Amino acid sequence: MIYFDDKQIKLITSWRNLAANTEEPYMSFMAEWIAFNAICYNLYYEKAIIERANIDRGKSKLNKIQEKFNSSKELTVNEVKLVGTSDKWSVDLFFPERLFISISNNYTEDIIFNEFVKANHNWYQDNPSDSFLRLKTSLTKRDRNYVVNMAKIKYYDDSFSVNNLASKNIIILCEENNLKTIKNVLYQIRCNIFHGEKTPGDINDDTIVKSAIPLLRYIVGYLVEKHEIHLNSSTS
């Protein structure tokens, strides 16, 4: 079992108490999510540190390279240089125009939630929540059930089929009562709130957030019990 120290337990408990004691649904959802995030981070953060490549736009001649792609589907590298250490290194490519790519270890947040699903999907399959139906119903549009990825709202078009929109991650379907679906939908609701795309007082937004809280609370409650995240007398 992964160890949670007193500071982590106090933090998780404090956010859960705030979520339970506020009448404001947006604050309740966000506080419960912070507790969920803290638990998942402690459990899976080591797996979320992965190599990530970044293009140095100051050193690279992207415009000239892209111009060449307009006339050819294939470019040949004239020269390659590798520089750095095992933790941070770079690839210097010349076409002859330069493309400089740095590679380093970075924390990637969504991995911790994917790992959460892997570790707990059997539990949820055996113990599905009745709250899923309420969330699914709140997301009914065009006779389907989904939440819009507001970061891609400019690509949303009613002329496209729901399945087409889902394949492009423009919407997140909420139709199968499994942990992967729930994670995807709750995470998208979280992103829409945190990035300023949900408006308190809007009937539709309020309904979605209120419908998401019981399901998120059910999951966090399970994790708290599973990992024995409880305050003792010395930390309360």
Protein backbone atom coordinates (compact mmCIF):
# COMPACT_ATOMS: atom_id res chain seq x y z
CA MET A 1 0.00 0.00 0.00
CA ILE A 2 1.26 3.48 -0.89
CA TYR A 3 2.04 5.58 2.17
CA PHE A 4 0.24 8.88 2.80
CA ASP A 5 2.02 11.06 5.35
CA ASP A 6 0.26 13.26 7.91
CA LYS A 7 0.55 16.39 5.76
CA GLN A 8 -1.03 14.69 2.76
CA ILE A 9 -3.81 13.22 4.88
CA LYS A 10 -4.57 16.60 6.43
CA LEU A 11 -4.63 18.27 3.00
CA ILE A 12 -6.96 15.66 1.47
CA THR A 13 -9.25 15.67 4.49
CA SER A 14 -9.42 19.48 4.57
CA TRP A 15 -10.45 19.74 0.93
CA ARG A 16 -13.04 16.98 1.34
CA ASN A 17 -14.49 18.75 4.38
CA LEU A 18 -14.71 21.97 2.40
CA ALA A 19 -16.45 20.12 -0.43
CA ALA A 20 -18.97 18.61 1.98
CA ASN A 21 -19.69 21.80 3.92
CA THR A 22 -20.17 24.35 1.14
CA GLU A 23 -23.51 24.94 -0.55
CA GLU A 24 -21.79 26.31 -3.67
CA PRO A 25 -21.67 23.43 -6.20
CA TYR A 26 -18.72 24.76 -8.18
CA MET A 27 -16.61 25.12 -5.04
CA SER A 28 -17.76 21.67 -3.90
CA PHE A 29 -16.72 20.08 -7.18
CA MET A 30 -13.37 21.86 -7.29
CA ALA A 31 -12.55 21.03 -3.67
CA GLU A 32 -13.44 17.36 -4.20
CA TRP A 33 -11.35 17.33 -7.37
CA ILE A 34 -8.33 18.77 -5.55
CA ALA A 35 -8.61 15.93 -3.03
CA PHE A 36 -8.89 13.42 -5.88
CA ASN A 37 -5.90 14.98 -7.64
CA ALA A 38 -3.81 14.86 -4.46
CA ILE A 39 -4.57 11.17 -3.95
CA CYS A 40 -3.81 10.23 -7.56
CA TYR A 41 -0.64 12.31 -7.58
CA ASN A 42 0.72 10.53 -4.53
CA LEU A 43 -0.16 7.13 -5.95
CA TYR A 44 1.01 7.54 -9.53
CA TYR A 45 3.27 10.58 -9.95
CA GLU A 46 6.37 8.47 -10.66
CA LYS A 47 4.66 6.99 -13.72
CA ALA A 48 3.69 10.47 -14.87
CA ILE A 49 7.30 11.61 -15.32
CA ILE A 50 7.98 10.92 -18.98
CA GLU A 51 10.19 12.18 -21.78
CA ARG A 52 8.74 15.10 -23.71
CA ALA A 53 10.10 16.68 -26.87
CA ASN A 54 9.90 20.44 -27.42
CA ILE A 55 10.84 22.43 -30.50
CA ASP A 56 13.08 25.41 -29.81
CA ARG A 57 11.43 27.99 -32.05
CA GLY A 58 14.24 30.47 -31.52
CA LYS A 59 16.84 28.11 -32.98
CA SER A 60 14.61 26.37 -35.52
CA LYS A 61 13.65 27.56 -39.00
CA LEU A 62 10.13 26.16 -38.97
CA ASN A 63 8.71 28.42 -41.66
CA LYS A 64 11.33 27.39 -44.19
CA ILE A 65 10.95 23.70 -43.34
CA GLN A 66 7.16 23.95 -43.66
CA GLU A 67 7.55 25.66 -47.03
CA LYS A 68 9.52 22.67 -48.25
CA PHE A 69 6.76 20.35 -47.10
CA ASN A 70 4.35 22.25 -49.35
CA SER A 71 6.24 20.98 -52.37
CA SER A 72 7.42 17.63 -51.04
CA LYS A 73 6.05 14.96 -48.69
CA GLU A 74 9.53 13.84 -47.72
CA LEU A 75 12.64 15.67 -46.52
CA THR A 76 16.13 14.25 -46.12
CA VAL A 77 18.23 15.21 -43.10
CA ASN A 78 21.69 16.41 -44.11
CA GLU A 79 23.18 16.39 -40.61
CA VAL A 80 22.21 15.23 -37.11
CA LYS A 81 23.75 16.16 -33.76
CA LEU A 82 22.86 14.66 -30.36
CA VAL A 83 23.90 16.68 -27.30
CA GLY A 84 23.26 16.36 -23.55
CA THR A 85 22.79 13.80 -20.79
CA SER A 86 20.37 10.93 -20.21
CA ASP A 87 18.02 13.29 -18.30
CA LYS A 88 18.05 16.16 -20.77
CA TRP A 89 19.26 16.04 -24.32
CA SER A 90 18.68 17.60 -27.69
CA VAL A 91 18.46 16.59 -31.31
CA ASP A 92 19.86 19.11 -33.79
CA LEU A 93 18.63 18.43 -37.34
CA PHE A 94 19.66 20.20 -40.55
CA PHE A 95 17.58 19.90 -43.76
CA PRO A 96 19.77 22.12 -44.31
CA GLU A 97 17.40 24.45 -42.42
CA ARG A 98 17.76 23.84 -38.71
CA LEU A 99 15.22 22.01 -36.52
CA PHE A 100 16.29 21.97 -32.86
CA ILE A 101 14.40 19.61 -30.53
CA SER A 102 15.07 19.36 -26.78
CA ILE A 103 13.99 16.28 -24.83
CA SER A 104 13.62 16.22 -21.04
CA ASN A 105 11.66 14.46 -18.31
CA ASN A 106 8.39 16.24 -17.52
CA TYR A 107 5.36 15.63 -15.34
CA THR A 108 2.30 14.85 -17.48
CA GLU A 109 -0.88 15.24 -15.43
CA ASP A 110 -3.34 13.15 -17.42
CA ILE A 111 -1.16 10.05 -16.96
CA ILE A 112 -1.97 9.88 -13.25
CA PHE A 113 -5.69 9.69 -14.03
CA ASN A 114 -5.10 7.01 -16.68
CA GLU A 115 -3.15 5.03 -14.09
CA PHE A 116 -6.02 5.48 -11.64
CA VAL A 117 -8.39 3.90 -14.17
CA LYS A 118 -6.02 0.97 -14.78
CA ALA A 119 -5.70 0.27 -11.06
CA ASN A 120 -9.39 0.57 -10.18
CA HIS A 121 -11.52 -0.34 -13.20
CA ASN A 122 -12.32 -3.80 -11.77
CA TRP A 123 -13.54 -2.24 -8.51
CA TYR A 124 -15.91 0.08 -10.35
CA GLN A 125 -17.13 -2.68 -12.65
CA ASP A 126 -18.16 -4.62 -9.57
CA ASN A 127 -19.48 -1.54 -7.74
CA PRO A 128 -21.00 0.85 -10.29
CA SER A 129 -22.55 4.05 -8.97
CA ASP A 130 -26.22 4.91 -9.41
CA SER A 131 -25.08 8.54 -9.74
CA PHE A 132 -23.83 7.85 -13.26
CA LEU A 133 -27.35 8.00 -14.69
CA ARG A 134 -27.88 11.47 -13.24
CA LEU A 135 -24.66 12.74 -14.80
CA LYS A 136 -25.44 11.05 -18.12
CA THR A 137 -28.90 12.62 -18.24
CA SER A 138 -27.49 16.09 -17.52
CA LEU A 139 -25.31 15.75 -20.61
CA THR A 140 -28.08 14.88 -23.06
CA LYS A 141 -27.76 16.65 -26.41
CA ARG A 142 -28.98 15.61 -29.86
CA ASP A 143 -30.34 12.38 -28.32
CA ARG A 144 -26.83 11.46 -27.16
CA ASN A 145 -24.87 12.15 -23.98
CA TYR A 146 -21.65 14.15 -24.00
CA VAL A 147 -19.73 17.11 -22.64
CA VAL A 148 -18.09 19.57 -25.02
CA ASN A 149 -14.32 20.06 -24.84
CA MET A 150 -14.45 23.85 -24.59
CA ALA A 151 -10.80 24.15 -25.61
CA LYS A 152 -11.98 22.96 -29.06
CA ILE A 153 -15.34 24.74 -29.15
CA LYS A 154 -14.44 26.54 -32.40
CA TYR A 155 -14.36 23.14 -34.12
CA TYR A 156 -17.78 22.11 -32.83
CA ASP A 157 -20.28 21.88 -35.67
CA ASP A 158 -23.78 20.42 -35.45
CA SER A 159 -23.47 19.27 -39.04
CA PHE A 160 -20.90 16.69 -37.90
CA SER A 161 -22.10 13.43 -36.40
CA VAL A 162 -21.66 12.88 -32.68
CA ASN A 163 -19.28 10.00 -33.34
CA ASN A 164 -17.20 12.17 -35.64
CA LEU A 165 -16.94 14.91 -33.00
CA ALA A 166 -15.98 12.34 -30.38
CA SER A 167 -13.26 10.84 -32.59
CA LYS A 168 -11.64 14.29 -32.78
CA ASN A 169 -11.90 14.84 -29.01
CA ILE A 170 -14.18 17.82 -29.60
CA ILE A 171 -16.72 16.16 -27.32
CA ILE A 172 -16.39 13.51 -24.60
CA LEU A 173 -19.08 10.85 -24.64
CA CYS A 174 -20.85 9.93 -21.40
CA GLU A 175 -22.76 6.81 -22.38
CA GLU A 176 -20.99 3.77 -20.88
CA ASN A 177 -20.96 3.34 -17.11
CA ASN A 178 -17.29 2.44 -16.71
CA LEU A 179 -14.40 4.11 -14.94
CA LYS A 180 -12.61 5.23 -18.11
CA THR A 181 -15.70 7.09 -19.33
CA ILE A 182 -16.29 8.64 -15.91
CA LYS A 183 -12.68 9.78 -15.62
CA ASN A 184 -12.79 11.36 -19.07
CA VAL A 185 -16.07 13.17 -18.41
CA LEU A 186 -15.19 14.40 -14.92
CA TYR A 187 -11.78 15.57 -16.13
CA GLN A 188 -13.39 17.51 -18.98
CA ILE A 189 -15.88 19.13 -16.60
CA ARG A 190 -12.94 20.03 -14.36
CA CYS A 191 -11.08 21.59 -17.32
CA ASN A 192 -14.14 23.55 -18.42
CA ILE A 193 -14.51 24.98 -14.89
CA PHE A 194 -10.83 25.68 -14.24
CA HIS A 195 -10.34 27.33 -17.63
CA GLY A 196 -13.31 29.65 -17.23
CA GLU A 197 -15.79 27.90 -19.51
CA LYS A 198 -18.57 27.21 -16.97
CA THR A 199 -20.77 30.00 -15.63
CA PRO A 200 -22.32 29.81 -12.15
CA GLY A 201 -25.99 30.65 -12.51
CA ASP A 202 -26.29 29.18 -16.00
CA ILE A 203 -28.98 26.51 -15.68
CA ASN A 204 -27.27 23.99 -17.95
CA ASP A 205 -23.81 24.46 -16.40
CA ASP A 206 -25.23 24.32 -12.87
CA THR A 207 -27.08 21.08 -13.63
CA ILE A 208 -23.96 19.42 -15.04
CA VAL A 209 -21.74 20.40 -12.11
CA LYS A 210 -24.33 19.39 -9.52
CA SER A 211 -24.79 16.04 -11.27
CA ALA A 212 -21.04 15.39 -11.34
CA ILE A 213 -20.42 15.94 -7.62
CA PRO A 214 -21.99 12.70 -6.24
CA LEU A 215 -20.05 10.53 -8.68
CA LEU A 216 -16.74 12.27 -7.97
CA ARG A 217 -17.43 12.06 -4.22
CA TYR A 218 -18.19 8.34 -4.54
CA ILE A 219 -14.82 7.72 -6.20
CA VAL A 220 -12.85 9.83 -3.73
CA GLY A 221 -14.60 8.17 -0.80
CA TYR A 222 -13.58 4.77 -2.14
CA LEU A 223 -9.94 5.85 -2.49
CA VAL A 224 -9.93 7.29 1.03
CA GLU A 225 -11.13 3.99 2.47
CA LYS A 226 -8.92 1.83 0.26
CA HIS A 227 -5.75 3.70 1.22
CA GLU A 228 -6.82 4.46 4.81
CA ILE A 229 -6.49 8.22 4.40
CA HIS A 230 -7.82 9.17 7.82
CA LEU A 231 -6.70 11.79 10.33
CA ASN A 232 -5.42 10.48 13.64
CA SER A 233 -5.46 12.35 16.93
CA SER A 234 -2.00 13.86 16.39
CA THR A 235 -2.91 15.47 13.04
CA SER A 236 -6.52 16.52 13.65
